[in-house]
């Protein structure tokens, strides 16, 4: 059964990271302890210390922002965030993130474990082994993505992930999941974000593929 975070509790967590520059958020975890957690919990089987991928659709975590990694693992841990409304208004799903393995893995970690694990990956060098052929010009529509995720340059928000240099198959999988309607039939791997859903409106599949390949072809900004 999905556990639900209270509105004020999650908002305070998100706000604390949103207001911090990316380099300040890293200070709240212990990277050395995080390395031990990654080793003991089998994280290196999929997310290696070098950043090398071990399978299609597995994201690069090395060099990713700690604020984002904490947020992602927190969503995996609790499954969904629901805005409960005021005075009997209907509930509204704002974020859903479930994965057959990651939800269980995050659920076995304490809050401090998550902070330390995120700090470890955030302090590693981002060095993808290969990049798709570079896209010379940012596709139309990328300017809206750059507001939160940056582009050829780093983005300033501590809880918004870098997309530049990310695995192209992973980006495709996440865009597809975010575009899919939320339903009980999604099974044990599902994702929904109300903001992303709104942002994807008006984009064709070809538009999104161009943007995905553009981000995957960029060098890591971190």
Protein backbone atom coordinates (compact mmCIF):
# COMPACT_ATOMS: atom_id res chain seq x y z
CA UNK A 1 0.00 0.00 0.00
CA UNK A 2 1.26 3.44 -0.91
CA UNK A 3 2.20 5.70 1.96
CA UNK A 4 1.35 9.35 1.53
CA UNK A 5 3.33 12.37 2.57
CA UNK A 6 1.52 15.28 4.18
CA UNK A 7 1.37 18.40 2.07
CA UNK A 8 3.22 20.67 4.48
CA UNK A 9 5.92 18.11 5.26
CA UNK A 10 6.85 17.45 1.63
CA UNK A 11 6.55 21.11 0.71
CA UNK A 12 9.04 22.06 3.42
CA UNK A 13 11.53 19.45 2.17
CA UNK A 14 11.17 20.56 -1.44
CA UNK A 15 11.41 24.23 -0.54
CA UNK A 16 14.59 23.72 1.49
CA UNK A 17 16.35 22.19 -1.52
CA UNK A 18 14.80 24.55 -4.08
CA UNK A 19 16.21 27.58 -2.28
CA UNK A 20 19.75 26.19 -2.06
CA UNK A 21 22.31 26.49 -4.84
CA UNK A 22 23.46 23.06 -5.99
CA UNK A 23 26.90 23.25 -4.38
CA UNK A 24 25.44 24.00 -0.92
CA UNK A 25 23.05 21.02 -0.87
CA UNK A 26 25.96 18.54 -0.95
CA UNK A 27 27.05 19.58 2.55
CA UNK A 28 24.22 17.70 4.31
CA UNK A 29 25.52 14.17 3.64
CA UNK A 30 28.62 12.07 4.27
CA UNK A 31 30.02 10.78 0.92
CA UNK A 32 32.38 8.32 2.59
CA UNK A 33 29.55 6.67 4.51
CA UNK A 34 27.43 6.83 1.37
CA UNK A 35 30.00 4.78 -0.54
CA UNK A 36 29.70 2.03 2.06
CA UNK A 37 25.91 2.11 1.82
CA UNK A 38 26.10 1.85 -1.98
CA UNK A 39 28.41 -1.15 -1.71
CA UNK A 40 26.47 -2.92 1.05
CA UNK A 41 23.06 -2.41 -0.59
CA UNK A 42 24.14 -3.53 -4.06
CA UNK A 43 23.79 -0.11 -5.73
CA UNK A 44 27.01 -0.68 -7.68
CA UNK A 45 25.41 -3.58 -9.53
CA UNK A 46 23.48 -1.04 -11.63
CA UNK A 47 24.95 2.37 -10.75
CA UNK A 48 28.70 1.86 -10.84
CA UNK A 49 31.18 4.24 -9.15
CA UNK A 50 32.73 5.04 -12.55
CA UNK A 51 29.35 5.89 -14.08
CA UNK A 52 29.63 3.07 -16.61
CA UNK A 53 26.22 1.67 -17.55
CA UNK A 54 25.45 -2.00 -17.01
CA UNK A 55 22.15 -2.08 -18.94
CA UNK A 56 19.83 -0.09 -21.19
CA UNK A 57 17.74 2.54 -19.48
CA UNK A 58 19.85 2.79 -16.33
CA UNK A 59 20.59 6.42 -15.42
CA UNK A 60 24.00 7.90 -14.78
CA UNK A 61 24.08 8.93 -11.11
CA UNK A 62 27.69 10.03 -10.83
CA UNK A 63 27.88 13.81 -10.65
CA UNK A 64 24.11 14.21 -10.35
CA UNK A 65 22.81 16.77 -7.85
CA UNK A 66 22.40 15.60 -4.29
CA UNK A 67 19.16 17.53 -3.84
CA UNK A 68 17.61 15.75 -6.81
CA UNK A 69 18.89 12.33 -5.74
CA UNK A 70 17.39 12.82 -2.28
CA UNK A 71 14.09 13.88 -3.78
CA UNK A 72 14.00 10.94 -6.21
CA UNK A 73 14.78 8.36 -3.52
CA UNK A 74 12.21 9.96 -1.20
CA UNK A 75 9.54 9.58 -3.89
CA UNK A 76 10.57 5.96 -4.42
CA UNK A 77 10.39 5.41 -0.66
CA UNK A 78 6.84 6.73 -0.28
CA UNK A 79 5.41 5.99 -3.73
CA UNK A 80 3.25 9.05 -4.22
CA UNK A 81 2.59 12.57 -3.04
CA UNK A 82 -1.05 13.60 -2.91
CA UNK A 83 -2.35 17.12 -2.53
CA UNK A 84 -5.31 16.59 -0.22
CA UNK A 85 -7.15 19.77 -1.00
CA UNK A 86 -8.94 22.08 1.40
CA UNK A 87 -12.23 21.47 3.24
CA UNK A 88 -13.19 18.24 1.56
CA UNK A 89 -12.00 18.99 -1.95
CA UNK A 90 -11.09 15.91 -4.00
CA UNK A 91 -7.56 14.56 -3.69
CA UNK A 92 -5.16 15.15 -6.55
CA UNK A 93 -2.08 13.11 -7.40
CA UNK A 94 0.85 15.45 -7.92
CA UNK A 95 3.75 12.99 -8.05
CA UNK A 96 3.83 9.23 -8.48
CA UNK A 97 7.09 7.33 -8.71
CA UNK A 98 7.28 3.59 -8.26
CA UNK A 99 9.77 1.01 -9.49
CA UNK A 100 9.82 -2.72 -8.87
CA UNK A 101 13.36 -2.55 -7.43
CA UNK A 102 14.05 1.07 -6.45
CA UNK A 103 10.94 1.42 -4.30
CA UNK A 104 11.98 -1.55 -2.20
CA UNK A 105 15.61 -0.42 -2.07
CA UNK A 106 14.74 3.13 -0.97
CA UNK A 107 12.29 1.77 1.59
CA UNK A 108 15.13 -0.07 3.32
CA UNK A 109 17.14 3.14 3.83
CA UNK A 110 16.88 5.70 6.62
CA UNK A 111 16.62 9.40 5.82
CA UNK A 112 20.30 9.84 6.74
CA UNK A 113 21.23 6.84 4.58
CA UNK A 114 19.55 8.53 1.63
CA UNK A 115 21.38 11.79 2.28
CA UNK A 116 24.74 10.06 2.54
CA UNK A 117 24.16 7.89 -0.52
CA UNK A 118 23.13 10.94 -2.54
CA UNK A 119 26.19 12.85 -1.31
CA UNK A 120 28.46 10.03 -2.49
CA UNK A 121 27.09 9.95 -6.04
CA UNK A 122 26.95 13.75 -6.23
CA UNK A 123 30.67 14.06 -5.48
CA UNK A 124 31.78 11.54 -8.13
CA UNK A 125 32.94 12.71 -11.55
CA UNK A 126 30.41 12.54 -14.36
CA UNK A 127 32.12 10.80 -17.24
CA UNK A 128 29.75 8.94 -19.58
CA UNK A 129 31.67 6.42 -21.68
CA UNK A 130 30.06 7.58 -24.94
CA UNK A 131 27.66 10.20 -26.25
CA UNK A 132 25.29 10.14 -29.24
CA UNK A 133 26.19 12.26 -32.23
CA UNK A 134 26.00 15.88 -31.15
CA UNK A 135 23.05 18.02 -32.19
CA UNK A 136 24.40 21.35 -33.40
CA UNK A 137 21.36 23.47 -32.57
CA UNK A 138 18.91 23.08 -29.72
CA UNK A 139 15.55 21.89 -31.14
CA UNK A 140 12.54 24.15 -30.92
CA UNK A 141 10.89 23.78 -27.53
CA UNK A 142 14.12 23.10 -25.67
CA UNK A 143 14.00 26.61 -24.25
CA UNK A 144 11.13 25.56 -21.98
CA UNK A 145 13.07 22.52 -20.73
CA UNK A 146 16.10 24.71 -20.04
CA UNK A 147 14.19 26.74 -17.45
CA UNK A 148 14.50 23.83 -15.00
CA UNK A 149 17.11 21.52 -16.51
CA UNK A 150 19.57 23.84 -18.18
CA UNK A 151 21.09 22.89 -21.50
CA UNK A 152 24.60 23.54 -22.72
CA UNK A 153 25.15 25.21 -19.36
CA UNK A 154 24.43 24.05 -15.82
CA UNK A 155 21.04 24.74 -14.25
CA UNK A 156 20.90 26.54 -10.89
CA UNK A 157 18.22 24.58 -9.02
CA UNK A 158 19.49 22.10 -6.46
CA UNK A 159 16.56 19.67 -6.79
CA UNK A 160 16.20 19.74 -10.58
CA UNK A 161 18.28 17.02 -12.27
CA UNK A 162 20.92 17.54 -14.89
CA UNK A 163 19.82 16.02 -18.20
CA UNK A 164 22.94 16.88 -20.18
CA UNK A 165 25.01 13.77 -20.85
CA UNK A 166 22.32 11.45 -19.46
CA UNK A 167 21.76 8.02 -21.04
CA UNK A 168 19.52 8.42 -24.08
CA UNK A 169 17.53 5.22 -23.39
CA UNK A 170 16.87 6.33 -19.83
CA UNK A 171 15.60 9.71 -21.01
CA UNK A 172 13.27 8.03 -23.51
CA UNK A 173 11.89 5.72 -20.84
CA UNK A 174 11.25 8.56 -18.39
CA UNK A 175 9.58 10.82 -20.95
CA UNK A 176 7.35 7.93 -22.01
CA UNK A 177 6.42 7.18 -18.40
CA UNK A 178 5.70 10.82 -17.60
CA UNK A 179 3.44 11.14 -20.64
CA UNK A 180 1.43 8.01 -19.83
CA UNK A 181 -1.85 8.53 -17.95
CA UNK A 182 -1.87 7.44 -14.31
CA UNK A 183 -3.86 4.28 -13.80
CA UNK A 184 -4.00 1.18 -11.67
CA UNK A 185 -2.91 -0.84 -14.71
CA UNK A 186 0.57 0.69 -14.77
CA UNK A 187 1.82 -2.06 -12.49
CA UNK A 188 4.87 -1.86 -10.29
CA UNK A 189 6.82 0.62 -12.44
CA UNK A 190 5.10 3.96 -12.92
CA UNK A 191 5.82 7.65 -12.90
CA UNK A 192 3.74 10.80 -12.99
CA UNK A 193 4.49 14.45 -12.37
CA UNK A 194 1.78 17.02 -12.83
CA UNK A 195 4.21 19.72 -14.01
CA UNK A 196 5.89 17.45 -16.56
CA UNK A 197 2.49 16.34 -17.84
CA UNK A 198 1.55 19.95 -18.52
CA UNK A 199 4.92 20.72 -20.13
CA UNK A 200 4.66 17.86 -22.65
CA UNK A 201 1.36 19.07 -24.08
CA UNK A 202 1.79 20.25 -27.64
CA UNK A 203 4.94 18.22 -28.31
CA UNK A 204 4.89 15.49 -30.93
CA UNK A 205 6.85 12.25 -30.50
CA UNK A 206 9.36 13.52 -33.07
CA UNK A 207 9.76 16.80 -31.14
CA UNK A 208 10.49 14.94 -27.92
CA UNK A 209 12.93 12.56 -29.59
CA UNK A 210 14.94 15.52 -30.93
CA UNK A 211 15.05 17.11 -27.47
CA UNK A 212 16.03 13.80 -25.85
CA UNK A 213 18.89 13.25 -28.28
CA UNK A 214 19.99 16.85 -27.87
CA UNK A 215 20.32 16.53 -24.10
CA UNK A 216 21.99 13.11 -24.32
CA UNK A 217 24.57 14.51 -26.76
CA UNK A 218 25.65 17.35 -24.48
CA UNK A 219 28.71 16.98 -22.24
CA UNK A 220 28.12 16.76 -18.52
CA UNK A 221 27.79 20.26 -17.07
CA UNK A 222 28.99 19.16 -13.66
